[in-house]
N, C-alpha and C. Protein backbone atom coordinates (compact mmCIF):
# COMPACT_ATOMS: atom_id res chain seq x y z
N MET A 1 32.55 -42.81 11.63
CA MET A 1 31.39 -43.17 10.83
C MET A 1 30.16 -42.24 11.18
N LEU A 2 30.01 -42.10 12.48
CA LEU A 2 28.92 -41.22 12.91
C LEU A 2 29.11 -39.82 12.42
N LEU A 3 30.35 -39.33 12.56
CA LEU A 3 30.65 -37.94 12.08
C LEU A 3 30.29 -37.78 10.60
N ALA A 4 30.69 -38.73 9.70
CA ALA A 4 30.46 -38.67 8.34
C ALA A 4 28.89 -38.74 8.00
N PHE A 5 28.19 -39.52 8.84
CA PHE A 5 26.69 -39.75 8.62
C PHE A 5 26.02 -38.39 9.02
N PHE A 6 26.31 -37.85 10.19
CA PHE A 6 25.74 -36.48 10.60
C PHE A 6 26.02 -35.36 9.74
N SER A 7 27.32 -35.37 9.26
CA SER A 7 27.62 -34.23 8.30
C SER A 7 26.99 -34.40 6.99
N MET A 8 26.84 -35.64 6.50
CA MET A 8 26.12 -35.84 5.29
C MET A 8 24.66 -35.55 5.30
N VAL A 9 23.97 -35.87 6.48
CA VAL A 9 22.63 -35.54 6.65
C VAL A 9 22.38 -34.05 6.76
N GLY A 10 23.26 -33.33 7.48
CA GLY A 10 23.18 -31.93 7.64
C GLY A 10 23.39 -31.33 6.20
N PHE A 11 24.33 -31.72 5.51
CA PHE A 11 24.50 -31.01 4.17
C PHE A 11 23.35 -31.35 3.21
N TRP A 12 22.92 -32.58 3.19
CA TRP A 12 21.75 -32.93 2.31
C TRP A 12 20.51 -32.18 2.63
N PHE A 13 20.07 -32.09 3.97
CA PHE A 13 18.87 -31.35 4.21
C PHE A 13 18.98 -29.90 4.22
N LEU A 14 20.20 -29.31 4.36
CA LEU A 14 20.36 -27.88 4.33
C LEU A 14 20.64 -27.26 2.85
N PHE A 15 21.37 -28.02 2.04
CA PHE A 15 21.77 -27.51 0.81
C PHE A 15 21.18 -28.15 -0.44
N GLU A 16 20.82 -29.42 -0.25
CA GLU A 16 20.26 -30.25 -1.44
C GLU A 16 18.72 -30.16 -1.52
N LYS A 17 18.13 -30.51 -0.34
CA LYS A 17 16.71 -30.55 -0.20
C LYS A 17 16.23 -29.64 0.89
N LEU A 18 16.20 -28.38 0.80
CA LEU A 18 15.80 -27.33 1.82
C LEU A 18 14.31 -27.33 1.86
N THR A 19 13.66 -27.94 2.87
CA THR A 19 12.25 -27.73 2.96
C THR A 19 11.89 -27.41 4.46
N PRO A 20 10.82 -26.93 4.70
CA PRO A 20 10.38 -26.53 6.00
C PRO A 20 10.57 -27.57 7.15
N LEU A 21 10.19 -28.82 6.72
CA LEU A 21 10.48 -29.90 7.75
C LEU A 21 11.97 -30.40 7.71
N GLY A 22 12.58 -30.35 6.58
CA GLY A 22 13.99 -30.82 6.52
C GLY A 22 15.03 -29.91 7.13
N ALA A 23 14.75 -28.64 7.20
CA ALA A 23 15.72 -27.66 7.73
C ALA A 23 16.07 -27.90 9.24
N PRO A 24 15.16 -28.25 10.14
CA PRO A 24 15.60 -28.58 11.58
C PRO A 24 16.36 -29.89 11.62
N VAL A 25 16.11 -30.73 10.69
CA VAL A 25 16.89 -32.11 10.64
C VAL A 25 18.28 -31.77 10.20
N GLY A 26 18.48 -30.88 9.33
CA GLY A 26 19.68 -30.39 8.72
C GLY A 26 20.56 -29.64 9.91
N VAL A 27 19.80 -28.86 10.56
CA VAL A 27 20.42 -28.14 11.65
C VAL A 27 20.86 -29.26 12.77
N ILE A 28 20.02 -30.16 13.00
CA ILE A 28 20.43 -31.14 14.03
C ILE A 28 21.66 -31.87 13.64
N GLY A 29 21.70 -32.14 12.38
CA GLY A 29 22.81 -32.86 11.77
C GLY A 29 24.18 -32.10 11.89
N VAL A 30 24.06 -30.88 11.70
CA VAL A 30 25.30 -29.89 11.73
C VAL A 30 25.58 -29.84 13.23
N VAL A 31 24.74 -29.60 14.14
CA VAL A 31 25.08 -29.50 15.55
C VAL A 31 25.54 -30.85 16.03
N MET A 32 25.08 -31.95 15.74
CA MET A 32 25.70 -33.27 16.17
C MET A 32 27.00 -33.42 15.62
N THR A 33 27.28 -32.94 14.30
CA THR A 33 28.73 -33.04 13.77
C THR A 33 29.70 -32.21 14.70
N ILE A 34 29.22 -31.09 15.10
CA ILE A 34 30.11 -30.06 15.96
C ILE A 34 30.34 -30.91 17.24
N ILE A 35 29.26 -31.33 17.89
CA ILE A 35 29.38 -31.91 19.23
C ILE A 35 30.30 -33.17 19.19
N LEU A 36 30.10 -33.96 18.10
CA LEU A 36 30.95 -35.18 17.90
C LEU A 36 32.45 -34.82 17.73
N THR A 37 32.70 -33.80 16.87
CA THR A 37 34.10 -33.25 16.80
C THR A 37 34.70 -32.80 17.99
N GLY A 38 33.88 -32.03 18.79
CA GLY A 38 34.39 -31.67 20.17
C GLY A 38 34.67 -32.79 21.14
N PHE A 39 33.74 -33.73 21.05
CA PHE A 39 34.04 -34.90 21.88
C PHE A 39 35.23 -35.78 21.46
N GLU A 40 35.55 -35.90 20.11
CA GLU A 40 36.69 -36.57 19.65
C GLU A 40 38.06 -35.75 20.07
N MET A 41 37.90 -34.37 20.00
CA MET A 41 39.20 -33.71 20.38
C MET A 41 39.38 -33.73 21.97
N PHE A 42 38.27 -33.89 22.71
CA PHE A 42 38.44 -34.07 24.13
C PHE A 42 39.10 -35.47 24.38
N ILE A 43 38.58 -36.50 23.75
CA ILE A 43 39.25 -37.88 23.86
C ILE A 43 40.59 -37.80 23.54
N GLN A 44 41.01 -37.17 22.42
CA GLN A 44 42.45 -37.12 21.92
C GLN A 44 43.34 -36.50 22.95
N PHE A 45 42.79 -35.38 23.59
CA PHE A 45 43.49 -34.67 24.65
C PHE A 45 43.74 -35.52 25.87
N LEU A 46 42.62 -36.19 26.32
CA LEU A 46 42.70 -37.03 27.39
C LEU A 46 43.72 -38.26 27.22
N GLN A 47 43.57 -38.78 26.08
CA GLN A 47 44.53 -39.89 25.74
C GLN A 47 46.02 -39.39 25.79
N ALA A 48 46.30 -38.35 25.18
CA ALA A 48 47.79 -37.75 25.08
C ALA A 48 48.15 -37.46 26.36
N PHE A 49 47.19 -36.78 27.36
CA PHE A 49 47.58 -36.47 28.82
C PHE A 49 47.96 -37.65 29.54
N LEU A 50 47.00 -38.68 29.42
CA LEU A 50 47.33 -39.91 30.16
C LEU A 50 48.59 -40.66 29.81
N PHE A 51 48.83 -40.78 28.54
CA PHE A 51 50.14 -41.48 28.16
C PHE A 51 51.20 -40.63 28.55
N ALA A 52 51.20 -39.39 28.52
CA ALA A 52 52.36 -38.46 28.92
C ALA A 52 52.61 -38.70 30.51
N MET A 53 51.53 -38.74 31.31
CA MET A 53 51.63 -38.95 32.62
C MET A 53 52.21 -40.36 32.94
N LEU A 54 51.76 -41.44 32.22
CA LEU A 54 52.30 -42.76 32.38
C LEU A 54 53.82 -42.88 32.06
N ALA A 55 54.14 -42.23 31.01
CA ALA A 55 55.58 -42.08 30.58
C ALA A 55 56.40 -41.39 31.68
N ALA A 56 55.82 -40.22 32.18
CA ALA A 56 56.58 -39.49 33.24
C ALA A 56 56.79 -40.32 34.41
N MET A 57 55.73 -41.08 34.81
CA MET A 57 55.93 -41.87 36.05
C MET A 57 56.85 -43.06 35.91
N TYR A 58 56.89 -43.65 34.59
CA TYR A 58 57.77 -44.73 34.36
C TYR A 58 59.27 -44.23 34.27
N ILE A 59 59.55 -43.09 33.73
CA ILE A 59 60.89 -42.54 33.69
C ILE A 59 61.20 -42.13 35.07
N GLY A 60 60.36 -41.55 35.91
CA GLY A 60 60.61 -41.11 37.16
C GLY A 60 60.91 -42.24 38.09
N ASN A 61 60.23 -43.34 37.97
CA ASN A 61 60.38 -44.51 38.83
C ASN A 61 61.73 -45.30 38.38
N SER A 62 62.16 -45.21 37.15
CA SER A 62 63.37 -45.87 36.66
C SER A 62 64.58 -45.10 37.20
N LEU A 63 64.51 -43.72 37.37
CA LEU A 63 65.62 -42.92 37.77
C LEU A 63 65.82 -42.92 39.26
N HIS A 64 64.87 -43.13 40.10
CA HIS A 64 64.86 -43.07 41.44
C HIS A 64 64.47 -44.44 42.13
N ALA A 65 65.56 -45.28 42.49
CA ALA A 65 65.20 -46.55 43.02
C ALA A 65 64.63 -46.35 44.38
N GLU A 66 63.73 -47.13 44.75
CA GLU A 66 63.12 -47.08 45.97
C GLU A 66 63.79 -47.95 47.02
N HIS A 67 64.76 -48.74 46.67
CA HIS A 67 65.33 -49.60 47.68
C HIS A 67 66.81 -49.19 48.06
């Protein structure tokens, strides 16, 4: 929802209502969209990595009994 909001604000102020005061707000909207997209990609990578590690640990422990 934040990503949609910031991209809408950036589009509105840069392409629909380009004014000297609105241009910096549009640029901030575009920059925040890029930052939030990068943050989401980092979270997706981290989640995939952790689930792969947990699965590997579970499979490794099931194959090698400790007793």
